Amino acid sequence: EEIAVLVNEEQDKGYHRAELDGKNLSSGIYFYKIQAGN
């Protein structure tokens, strides 16, 4: 189930960073999915 969308924008070539504030999340296993072009 989707918990949050951390990034949803057009980004330039190169390295990028995203921060997750986990204060409202409980300890446990989560998954993150990145979609960029294909």
PDB file of all heavy atoms in Angstrom:
ATOM      1  N   GLU A   1       0.849  -1.200   0.000  1.00  0.00           N
ATOM      2  CA  GLU A   1       0.000   0.000   0.000  1.00  0.00           C
ATOM      3  C   GLU A   1       0.879   1.243   0.000  1.00  0.00           C
ATOM      4  O   GLU A   1       1.868   1.314   0.721  1.00  0.00           O
ATOM      5  CB  GLU A   1      -0.901   0.027   1.231  1.00  0.00           C
ATOM      6  CG  GLU A   1      -1.903  -1.091   1.287  1.00  0.00           C
ATOM      7  CD  GLU A   1      -2.671  -1.141   2.591  1.00  0.00           C
ATOM      8  OE1 GLU A   1      -2.133  -0.737   3.647  1.00  0.00           O
ATOM      9  OE2 GLU A   1      -3.820  -1.585   2.550  1.00  0.00           O
ATOM     10  N   GLU A   2       0.497   2.224  -0.803  1.00  0.00           N
ATOM     11  CA  GLU A   2       1.253   3.466  -0.893  1.00  0.00           C
ATOM     12  C   GLU A   2       1.107   4.269   0.393  1.00  0.00           C
ATOM     13  O   GLU A   2       0.007   4.566   0.827  1.00  0.00           O
ATOM     14  CB  GLU A   2       0.748   4.268  -2.085  1.00  0.00           C
ATOM     15  CG  GLU A   2       1.578   5.483  -2.393  1.00  0.00           C
ATOM     16  CD  GLU A   2       1.088   6.201  -3.638  1.00  0.00           C
ATOM     17  OE1 GLU A   2       1.153   5.612  -4.727  1.00  0.00           O
ATOM     18  OE2 GLU A   2       0.622   7.347  -3.486  1.00  0.00           O
ATOM     19  N   ILE A   3       2.233   4.621   0.984  1.00  0.00           N
ATOM     20  CA  ILE A   3       2.262   5.403   2.228  1.00  0.00           C
ATOM     21  C   ILE A   3       2.508   6.877   1.919  1.00  0.00           C
ATOM     22  O   ILE A   3       1.876   7.757   2.493  1.00  0.00           O
ATOM     23  CB  ILE A   3       3.370   4.891   3.177  1.00  0.00           C
ATOM     24  CG1 ILE A   3       3.166   3.427   3.514  1.00  0.00           C
ATOM     25  CG2 ILE A   3       3.451   5.727   4.440  1.00  0.00           C
ATOM     26  CD1 ILE A   3       1.906   3.124   4.264  1.00  0.00           C
ATOM     27  N   ALA A   4       3.460   7.147   1.026  1.00  0.00           N
ATOM     28  CA  ALA A   4       3.816   8.529   0.705  1.00  0.00           C
ATOM     29  C   ALA A   4       4.461   8.604  -0.670  1.00  0.00           C
ATOM     30  O   ALA A   4       5.073   7.648  -1.123  1.00  0.00           O
ATOM     31  CB  ALA A   4       4.784   9.079   1.748  1.00  0.00           C
ATOM     32  N   VAL A   5       4.327   9.758  -1.301  1.00  0.00           N
ATOM     33  CA  VAL A   5       5.045  10.053  -2.541  1.00  0.00           C
ATOM     34  C   VAL A   5       6.121  11.064  -2.167  1.00  0.00           C
ATOM     35  O   VAL A   5       5.812  12.186  -1.768  1.00  0.00           O
ATOM     36  CB  VAL A   5       4.101  10.615  -3.622  1.00  0.00           C
ATOM     37  CG1 VAL A   5       4.891  10.985  -4.869  1.00  0.00           C
ATOM     38  CG2 VAL A   5       3.011   9.613  -3.956  1.00  0.00           C
ATOM     39  N   LEU A   6       7.372  10.653  -2.229  1.00  0.00           N
ATOM     40  CA  LEU A   6       8.486  11.503  -1.808  1.00  0.00           C
ATOM     41  C   LEU A   6       8.958  12.435  -2.924  1.00  0.00           C
ATOM     42  O   LEU A   6       9.419  13.538  -2.656  1.00  0.00           O
ATOM     43  CB  LEU A   6       9.646  10.640  -1.326  1.00  0.00           C
ATOM     44  CG  LEU A   6       9.292   9.670  -0.190  1.00  0.00           C
ATOM     45  CD1 LEU A   6      10.447   8.737   0.085  1.00  0.00           C
ATOM     46  CD2 LEU A   6       8.903  10.430   1.054  1.00  0.00           C
ATOM     47  N   VAL A   7       8.875  11.977  -4.167  1.00  0.00           N
ATOM     48  CA  VAL A   7       9.272  12.782  -5.321  1.00  0.00           C
ATOM     49  C   VAL A   7       8.263  12.512  -6.426  1.00  0.00           C
ATOM     50  O   VAL A   7       7.912  11.366  -6.675  1.00  0.00           O
ATOM     51  CB  VAL A   7      10.690  12.416  -5.821  1.00  0.00           C
ATOM     52  CG1 VAL A   7      11.041  13.168  -7.085  1.00  0.00           C
ATOM     53  CG2 VAL A   7      11.730  12.650  -4.749  1.00  0.00           C
ATOM     54  N   ASN A   8       7.815  13.569  -7.080  1.00  0.00           N
ATOM     55  CA  ASN A   8       6.931  13.430  -8.232  1.00  0.00           C
ATOM     56  C   ASN A   8       7.111  14.663  -9.113  1.00  0.00           C
ATOM     57  O   ASN A   8       6.303  15.579  -9.101  1.00  0.00           O
ATOM     58  CB  ASN A   8       5.473  13.276  -7.806  1.00  0.00           C
ATOM     59  CG  ASN A   8       4.565  12.917  -8.956  1.00  0.00           C
ATOM     60  OD1 ASN A   8       5.019  12.538 -10.020  1.00  0.00           O
ATOM     61  ND2 ASN A   8       3.275  13.041  -8.747  1.00  0.00           N
ATOM     62  N   GLU A   9       8.232  14.689  -9.852  1.00  0.00           N
ATOM     63  CA  GLU A   9       8.554  15.854 -10.663  1.00  0.00           C
ATOM     64  C   GLU A   9       9.569  15.494 -11.740  1.00  0.00           C
ATOM     65  O   GLU A   9      10.205  14.448 -11.682  1.00  0.00           O
ATOM     66  CB  GLU A   9       9.122  16.977  -9.796  1.00  0.00           C
ATOM     67  CG  GLU A   9      10.387  16.602  -9.076  1.00  0.00           C
ATOM     68  CD  GLU A   9      10.846  17.651  -8.081  1.00  0.00           C
ATOM     69  OE1 GLU A   9      10.024  18.484  -7.656  1.00  0.00           O
ATOM     70  OE2 GLU A   9      12.027  17.630  -7.732  1.00  0.00           O
ATOM     71  N   GLU A  10       9.734  16.364 -12.690  1.00  0.00           N
ATOM     72  CA  GLU A  10      10.767  16.208 -13.713  1.00  0.00           C
ATOM     73  C   GLU A  10      12.095  16.594 -13.085  1.00  0.00           C
ATOM     74  O   GLU A  10      12.202  17.637 -12.441  1.00  0.00           O
ATOM     75  CB  GLU A  10      10.459  17.098 -14.911  1.00  0.00           C
ATOM     76  CG  GLU A  10      11.483  16.976 -15.994  1.00  0.00           C
ATOM     77  CD  GLU A  10      10.877  16.600 -17.322  1.00  0.00           C
ATOM     78  OE1 GLU A  10       9.741  16.113 -17.345  1.00  0.00           O
ATOM     79  OE2 GLU A  10      11.540  16.802 -18.315  1.00  0.00           O
ATOM     80  N   GLN A  11      13.096  15.733 -13.237  1.00  0.00           N
ATOM     81  CA  GLN A  11      14.404  16.012 -12.654  1.00  0.00           C
ATOM     82  C   GLN A  11      15.481  15.903 -13.709  1.00  0.00           C
ATOM     83  O   GLN A  11      15.389  15.111 -14.648  1.00  0.00           O
ATOM     84  CB  GLN A  11      14.705  15.043 -11.506  1.00  0.00           C
ATOM     85  CG  GLN A  11      13.808  15.264 -10.316  1.00  0.00           C
ATOM     86  CD  GLN A  11      14.268  14.515  -9.089  1.00  0.00           C
ATOM     87  OE1 GLN A  11      14.791  13.419  -9.184  1.00  0.00           O
ATOM     88  NE2 GLN A  11      14.053  15.114  -7.940  1.00  0.00           N
ATOM     89  N   ASP A  12      16.530  16.698 -13.528  1.00  0.00           N
ATOM     90  CA  ASP A  12      17.651  16.713 -14.456  1.00  0.00           C
ATOM     91  C   ASP A  12      18.540  15.492 -14.264  1.00  0.00           C
ATOM     92  O   ASP A  12      18.483  14.809 -13.234  1.00  0.00           O
ATOM     93  CB  ASP A  12      18.493  17.982 -14.249  1.00  0.00           C
ATOM     94  CG  ASP A  12      17.764  19.234 -14.696  1.00  0.00           C
ATOM     95  OD1 ASP A  12      16.995  19.149 -15.669  1.00  0.00           O
ATOM     96  OD2 ASP A  12      17.971  20.292 -14.071  1.00  0.00           O
ATOM     97  N   LYS A  13      19.392  15.265 -15.236  1.00  0.00           N
ATOM     98  CA  LYS A  13      20.376  14.189 -15.190  1.00  0.00           C
ATOM     99  C   LYS A  13      21.293  14.394 -13.983  1.00  0.00           C
ATOM    100  O   LYS A  13      21.599  15.518 -13.611  1.00  0.00           O
ATOM    101  CB  LYS A  13      21.187  14.254 -16.484  1.00  0.00           C
ATOM    102  CG  LYS A  13      22.325  13.297 -16.569  1.00  0.00           C
ATOM    103  CD  LYS A  13      23.056  13.487 -17.887  1.00  0.00           C
ATOM    104  CE  LYS A  13      24.253  12.572 -17.954  1.00  0.00           C
ATOM    105  NZ  LYS A  13      24.956  12.703 -19.242  1.00  0.00           N
ATOM    106  N   GLY A  14      21.702  13.288 -13.345  1.00  0.00           N
ATOM    107  CA  GLY A  14      22.649  13.370 -12.238  1.00  0.00           C
ATOM    108  C   GLY A  14      22.130  12.734 -10.967  1.00  0.00           C
ATOM    109  O   GLY A  14      21.140  12.016 -10.965  1.00  0.00           O
ATOM    110  N   TYR A  15      22.815  13.009  -9.871  1.00  0.00           N
ATOM    111  CA  TYR A  15      22.479  12.457  -8.557  1.00  0.00           C
ATOM    112  C   TYR A  15      21.479  13.357  -7.843  1.00  0.00           C
ATOM    113  O   TYR A  15      21.562  14.586  -7.944  1.00  0.00           O
ATOM    114  CB  TYR A  15      23.740  12.318  -7.695  1.00  0.00           C
ATOM    115  CG  TYR A  15      24.670  11.244  -8.192  1.00  0.00           C
ATOM    116  CD1 TYR A  15      25.714  11.550  -9.039  1.00  0.00           C
ATOM    117  CD2 TYR A  15      24.479   9.921  -7.826  1.00  0.00           C
ATOM    118  CE1 TYR A  15      26.574  10.567  -9.503  1.00  0.00           C
ATOM    119  CE2 TYR A  15      25.319   8.929  -8.288  1.00  0.00           C
ATOM    120  CZ  TYR A  15      26.364   9.263  -9.127  1.00  0.00           C
ATOM    121  OH  TYR A  15      27.201   8.274  -9.589  1.00  0.00           O
ATOM    122  N   HIS A  16      20.562  12.736  -7.120  1.00  0.00           N
ATOM    123  CA  HIS A  16      19.545  13.478  -6.379  1.00  0.00           C
ATOM    124  C   HIS A  16      19.356  12.823  -5.021  1.00  0.00           C
ATOM    125  O   HIS A  16      19.695  11.668  -4.818  1.00  0.00           O
ATOM    126  CB  HIS A  16      18.209  13.475  -7.138  1.00  0.00           C
ATOM    127  CG  HIS A  16      18.309  14.111  -8.481  1.00  0.00           C
ATOM    128  ND1 HIS A  16      18.159  15.464  -8.658  1.00  0.00           N
ATOM    129  CD2 HIS A  16      18.561  13.594  -9.701  1.00  0.00           C
ATOM    130  CE1 HIS A  16      18.311  15.749  -9.937  1.00  0.00           C
ATOM    131  NE2 HIS A  16      18.558  14.621 -10.593  1.00  0.00           N
ATOM    132  N   ARG A  17      18.744  13.563  -4.099  1.00  0.00           N
ATOM    133  CA  ARG A  17      18.483  13.101  -2.748  1.00  0.00           C
ATOM    134  C   ARG A  17      17.042  13.350  -2.377  1.00  0.00           C
ATOM    135  O   ARG A  17      16.462  14.356  -2.769  1.00  0.00           O
ATOM    136  CB  ARG A  17      19.330  13.945  -1.811  1.00  0.00           C
ATOM    137  CG  ARG A  17      20.086  13.216  -0.867  1.00  0.00           C
ATOM    138  CD  ARG A  17      20.863  14.176  -0.022  1.00  0.00           C
ATOM    139  NE  ARG A  17      22.037  13.419   0.298  1.00  0.00           N
ATOM    140  CZ  ARG A  17      23.007  13.788   1.035  1.00  0.00           C
ATOM    141  NH1 ARG A  17      23.000  14.977   1.542  1.00  0.00           N
ATOM    142  NH2 ARG A  17      24.000  13.013   1.278  1.00  0.00           N
ATOM    143  N   ALA A  18      16.488  12.441  -1.583  1.00  0.00           N
ATOM    144  CA  ALA A  18      15.135  12.633  -1.040  1.00  0.00           C
ATOM    145  C   ALA A  18      15.191  12.275   0.433  1.00  0.00           C
ATOM    146  O   ALA A  18      15.867  11.321   0.819  1.00  0.00           O
ATOM    147  CB  ALA A  18      14.130  11.754  -1.762  1.00  0.00           C
ATOM    148  N   GLU A  19      14.512  13.047   1.259  1.00  0.00           N
ATOM    149  CA  GLU A  19      14.500  12.783   2.697  1.00  0.00           C
ATOM    150  C   GLU A  19      13.154  12.233   3.120  1.00  0.00           C
ATOM    151  O   GLU A  19      12.113  12.653   2.617  1.00  0.00           O
ATOM    152  CB  GLU A  19      14.808  14.061   3.469  1.00  0.00           C
ATOM    153  CG  GLU A  19      16.239  14.498   3.309  1.00  0.00           C
ATOM    154  CD  GLU A  19      16.608  15.619   4.252  1.00  0.00           C
ATOM    155  OE1 GLU A  19      15.950  15.760   5.300  1.00  0.00           O
ATOM    156  OE2 GLU A  19      17.551  16.343   3.920  1.00  0.00           O
ATOM    157  N   LEU A  20      13.201  11.313   4.059  1.00  0.00           N
ATOM    158  CA  LEU A  20      12.005  10.695   4.614  1.00  0.00           C
ATOM    159  C   LEU A  20      11.942  11.024   6.094  1.00  0.00           C
ATOM    160  O   LEU A  20      12.882  10.724   6.840  1.00  0.00           O
ATOM    161  CB  LEU A  20      12.045   9.173   4.413  1.00  0.00           C
ATOM    162  CG  LEU A  20      10.985   8.367   5.148  1.00  0.00           C
ATOM    163  CD1 LEU A  20       9.599   8.703   4.608  1.00  0.00           C
ATOM    164  CD2 LEU A  20      11.253   6.886   5.008  1.00  0.00           C
ATOM    165  N   ASP A  21      10.869  11.656   6.508  1.00  0.00           N
ATOM    166  CA  ASP A  21      10.645  11.927   7.923  1.00  0.00           C
ATOM    167  C   ASP A  21       9.790  10.787   8.458  1.00  0.00           C
ATOM    168  O   ASP A  21       8.601  10.708   8.181  1.00  0.00           O
ATOM    169  CB  ASP A  21       9.939  13.267   8.104  1.00  0.00           C
ATOM    170  CG  ASP A  21       9.713  13.624   9.554  1.00  0.00           C
ATOM    171  OD1 ASP A  21      10.160  12.859  10.436  1.00  0.00           O
ATOM    172  OD2 ASP A  21       9.098  14.665   9.815  1.00  0.00           O
ATOM    173  N   GLY A  22      10.404   9.878   9.195  1.00  0.00           N
ATOM    174  CA  GLY A  22       9.715   8.680   9.657  1.00  0.00           C
ATOM    175  C   GLY A  22       9.061   8.815  11.020  1.00  0.00           C
ATOM    176  O   GLY A  22       8.684   7.801  11.608  1.00  0.00           O
ATOM    177  N   LYS A  23       8.882  10.040  11.524  1.00  0.00           N
ATOM    178  CA  LYS A  23       8.330  10.189  12.874  1.00  0.00           C
ATOM    179  C   LYS A  23       6.901   9.667  12.987  1.00  0.00           C
ATOM    180  O   LYS A  23       6.483   9.268  14.054  1.00  0.00           O
ATOM    181  CB  LYS A  23       8.420  11.632  13.354  1.00  0.00           C
ATOM    182  CG  LYS A  23       7.530  12.594  12.621  1.00  0.00           C
ATOM    183  CD  LYS A  23       7.699  14.009  13.153  1.00  0.00           C
ATOM    184  CE  LYS A  23       6.850  14.963  12.341  1.00  0.00           C
ATOM    185  NZ  LYS A  23       7.088  16.337  12.708  1.00  0.00           N
ATOM    186  N   ASN A  24       6.146   9.657  11.875  1.00  0.00           N
ATOM    187  CA  ASN A  24       4.770   9.155  11.917  1.00  0.00           C
ATOM    188  C   ASN A  24       4.660   7.708  11.456  1.00  0.00           C
ATOM    189  O   ASN A  24       3.553   7.191  11.297  1.00  0.00           O
ATOM    190  CB  ASN A  24       3.861  10.036  11.049  1.00  0.00           C
ATOM    191  CG  ASN A  24       3.731  11.436  11.601  1.00  0.00           C
ATOM    192  OD1 ASN A  24       3.741  11.642  12.811  1.00  0.00           O
ATOM    193  ND2 ASN A  24       3.637  12.409  10.723  1.00  0.00           N
ATOM    194  N   LEU A  25       5.802   7.064  11.234  1.00  0.00           N
ATOM    195  CA  LEU A  25       5.817   5.662  10.794  1.00  0.00           C
ATOM    196  C   LEU A  25       6.279   4.773  11.933  1.00  0.00           C
ATOM    197  O   LEU A  25       7.088   5.183  12.764  1.00  0.00           O
ATOM    198  CB  LEU A  25       6.767   5.489   9.609  1.00  0.00           C
ATOM    199  CG  LEU A  25       6.445   6.291   8.351  1.00  0.00           C
ATOM    200  CD1 LEU A  25       7.577   6.139   7.339  1.00  0.00           C
ATOM    201  CD2 LEU A  25       5.136   5.838   7.756  1.00  0.00           C
ATOM    202  N   SER A  26       5.779   3.561  11.970  1.00  0.00           N
ATOM    203  CA  SER A  26       6.243   2.617  12.981  1.00  0.00           C
ATOM    204  C   SER A  26       7.447   1.850  12.445  1.00  0.00           C
ATOM    205  O   SER A  26       7.687   1.796  11.241  1.00  0.00           O
ATOM    206  CB  SER A  26       5.118   1.646  13.341  1.00  0.00           C
ATOM    207  OG  SER A  26       4.688   0.942  12.205  1.00  0.00           O
ATOM    208  N   SER A  27       8.219   1.273  13.343  1.00  0.00           N
ATOM    209  CA  SER A  27       9.346   0.445  12.942  1.00  0.00           C
ATOM    210  C   SER A  27       8.837  -0.727  12.124  1.00  0.00           C
ATOM    211  O   SER A  27       7.762  -1.263  12.387  1.00  0.00           O
ATOM    212  CB  SER A  27      10.083  -0.084  14.176  1.00  0.00           C
ATOM    213  OG  SER A  27      10.670   0.972  14.882  1.00  0.00           O
ATOM    214  N   GLY A  28       9.605  -1.126  11.139  1.00  0.00           N
ATOM    215  CA  GLY A  28       9.201  -2.273  10.332  1.00  0.00           C
ATOM    216  C   GLY A  28       9.813  -2.254   8.954  1.00  0.00           C
ATOM    217  O   GLY A  28      10.710  -1.463   8.653  1.00  0.00           O
ATOM    218  N   ILE A  29       9.314  -3.113   8.092  1.00  0.00           N
ATOM    219  CA  ILE A  29       9.800  -3.244   6.731  1.00  0.00           C
ATOM    220  C   ILE A  29       8.933  -2.399   5.795  1.00  0.00           C
ATOM    221  O   ILE A  29       7.705  -2.453   5.860  1.00  0.00           O
ATOM    222  CB  ILE A  29       9.791  -4.717   6.286  1.00  0.00           C
ATOM    223  CG1 ILE A  29      10.760  -5.519   7.159  1.00  0.00           C
ATOM    224  CG2 ILE A  29      10.146  -4.852   4.811  1.00  0.00           C
ATOM    225  CD1 ILE A  29      10.730  -7.002   6.913  1.00  0.00           C
ATOM    226  N   TYR A  30       9.594  -1.646   4.952  1.00  0.00           N
ATOM    227  CA  TYR A  30       8.932  -0.815   3.951  1.00  0.00           C
ATOM    228  C   TYR A  30       9.611  -1.059   2.609  1.00  0.00           C
ATOM    229  O   TYR A  30      10.723  -1.582   2.542  1.00  0.00           O
ATOM    230  CB  TYR A  30       9.034   0.679   4.316  1.00  0.00           C
ATOM    231  CG  TYR A  30       8.253   1.035   5.554  1.00  0.00           C
ATOM    232  CD1 TYR A  30       8.821   0.939   6.810  1.00  0.00           C
ATOM    233  CD2 TYR A  30       6.935   1.466   5.465  1.00  0.00           C
ATOM    234  CE1 TYR A  30       8.101   1.252   7.952  1.00  0.00           C
ATOM    235  CE2 TYR A  30       6.211   1.787   6.596  1.00  0.00           C
ATOM    236  CZ  TYR A  30       6.802   1.673   7.830  1.00  0.00           C
ATOM    237  OH  TYR A  30       6.091   1.990   8.960  1.00  0.00           O
ATOM    238  N   PHE A  31       8.947  -0.669   1.551  1.00  0.00           N
ATOM    239  CA  PHE A  31       9.509  -0.737   0.214  1.00  0.00           C
ATOM    240  C   PHE A  31       9.470   0.646  -0.398  1.00  0.00           C
ATOM    241  O   PHE A  31       8.578   1.434  -0.101  1.00  0.00           O
ATOM    242  CB  PHE A  31       8.697  -1.700  -0.674  1.00  0.00           C
ATOM    243  CG  PHE A  31       8.799  -3.129  -0.224  1.00  0.00           C
ATOM    244  CD1 PHE A  31       7.882  -3.648   0.667  1.00  0.00           C
ATOM    245  CD2 PHE A  31       9.813  -3.938  -0.694  1.00  0.00           C
ATOM    246  CE1 PHE A  31       7.974  -4.963   1.092  1.00  0.00           C
ATOM    247  CE2 PHE A  31       9.916  -5.258  -0.273  1.00  0.00           C
ATOM    248  CZ  PHE A  31       8.988  -5.771   0.613  1.00  0.00           C
ATOM    249  N   TYR A  32      10.456   0.934  -1.231  1.00  0.00           N
ATOM    250  CA  TYR A  32      10.423   2.178  -1.990  1.00  0.00           C
ATOM    251  C   TYR A  32      10.609   1.852  -3.468  1.00  0.00           C
ATOM    252  O   TYR A  32      11.348   0.956  -3.829  1.00  0.00           O
ATOM    253  CB  TYR A  32      11.456   3.189  -1.501  1.00  0.00           C
ATOM    254  CG  TYR A  32      12.896   2.741  -1.554  1.00  0.00           C
ATOM    255  CD1 TYR A  32      13.693   3.047  -2.645  1.00  0.00           C
ATOM    256  CD2 TYR A  32      13.456   2.034  -0.499  1.00  0.00           C
ATOM    257  CE1 TYR A  32      15.015   2.645  -2.691  1.00  0.00           C
ATOM    258  CE2 TYR A  32      14.782   1.627  -0.539  1.00  0.00           C
ATOM    259  CZ  TYR A  32      15.558   1.934  -1.636  1.00  0.00           C
ATOM    260  OH  TYR A  32      16.859   1.541  -1.682  1.00  0.00           O
ATOM    261  N   LYS A  33       9.856   2.555  -4.295  1.00  0.00           N
ATOM    262  CA  LYS A  33       9.894   2.312  -5.736  1.00  0.00           C
ATOM    263  C   LYS A  33      10.221   3.607  -6.445  1.00  0.00           C
ATOM    264  O   LYS A  33       9.599   4.639  -6.184  1.00  0.00           O
ATOM    265  CB  LYS A  33       8.541   1.780  -6.225  1.00  0.00           C
ATOM    266  CG  LYS A  33       8.508   1.524  -7.730  1.00  0.00           C
ATOM    267  CD  LYS A  33       7.319   0.673  -8.127  1.00  0.00           C
ATOM    268  CE  LYS A  33       6.102   1.487  -8.360  1.00  0.00           C
ATOM    269  NZ  LYS A  33       4.997   0.709  -8.967  1.00  0.00           N
ATOM    270  N   ILE A  34      11.219   3.531  -7.320  1.00  0.00           N
ATOM    271  CA  ILE A  34      11.575   4.682  -8.134  1.00  0.00           C
ATOM    272  C   ILE A  34      11.209   4.384  -9.585  1.00  0.00           C
ATOM    273  O   ILE A  34      11.468   3.293 -10.083  1.00  0.00           O
ATOM    274  CB  ILE A  34      13.069   5.055  -8.006  1.00  0.00           C
ATOM    275  CG1 ILE A  34      13.359   6.317  -8.805  1.00  0.00           C
ATOM    276  CG2 ILE A  34      13.976   3.913  -8.393  1.00  0.00           C
ATOM    277  CD1 ILE A  34      14.688   6.957  -8.533  1.00  0.00           C
ATOM    278  N   GLN A  35      10.571   5.366 -10.202  1.00  0.00           N
ATOM    279  CA  GLN A  35      10.220   5.295 -11.617  1.00  0.00           C
ATOM    280  C   GLN A  35      10.809   6.530 -12.272  1.00  0.00           C
ATOM    281  O   GLN A  35      10.489   7.654 -11.882  1.00  0.00           O
ATOM    282  CB  GLN A  35       8.708   5.304 -11.814  1.00  0.00           C
ATOM    283  CG  GLN A  35       8.011   4.118 -11.182  1.00  0.00           C
ATOM    284  CD  GLN A  35       6.503   4.251 -11.226  1.00  0.00           C
ATOM    285  OE1 GLN A  35       5.956   5.212 -10.705  1.00  0.00           O
ATOM    286  NE2 GLN A  35       5.846   3.289 -11.829  1.00  0.00           N
ATOM    287  N   ALA A  36      11.684   6.330 -13.254  1.00  0.00           N
ATOM    288  CA  ALA A  36      12.311   7.438 -13.971  1.00  0.00           C
ATOM    289  C   ALA A  36      12.395   7.053 -15.439  1.00  0.00           C
ATOM    290  O   ALA A  36      13.192   6.189 -15.804  1.00  0.00           O
ATOM    291  CB  ALA A  36      13.693   7.735 -13.412  1.00  0.00           C
ATOM    292  N   GLY A  37      11.545   7.644 -16.244  1.00  0.00           N
ATOM    293  CA  GLY A  37      11.497   7.269 -17.656  1.00  0.00           C
ATOM    294  C   GLY A  37      11.075   5.811 -17.779  1.00  0.00           C
ATOM    295  O   GLY A  37      10.060   5.400 -17.230  1.00  0.00           O
ATOM    296  N   ASN A  38      11.884   5.002 -18.454  1.00  0.00           N
ATOM    297  CA  ASN A  38      11.603   3.569 -18.610  1.00  0.00           C
ATOM    298  C   ASN A  38      12.153   2.734 -17.457  1.00  0.00           C
ATOM    299  O   ASN A  38      11.923   1.531 -17.394  1.00  0.00           O
ATOM    300  CB  ASN A  38      12.188   3.045 -19.927  1.00  0.00           C
ATOM    301  CG  ASN A  38      11.493   3.652 -21.118  1.00  0.00           C
ATOM    302  OD1 ASN A  38      10.305   3.957 -21.063  1.00  0.00           O
ATOM    303  ND2 ASN A  38      12.227   3.849 -22.200  1.00  0.00           N
TER     304      ASN A  38
END
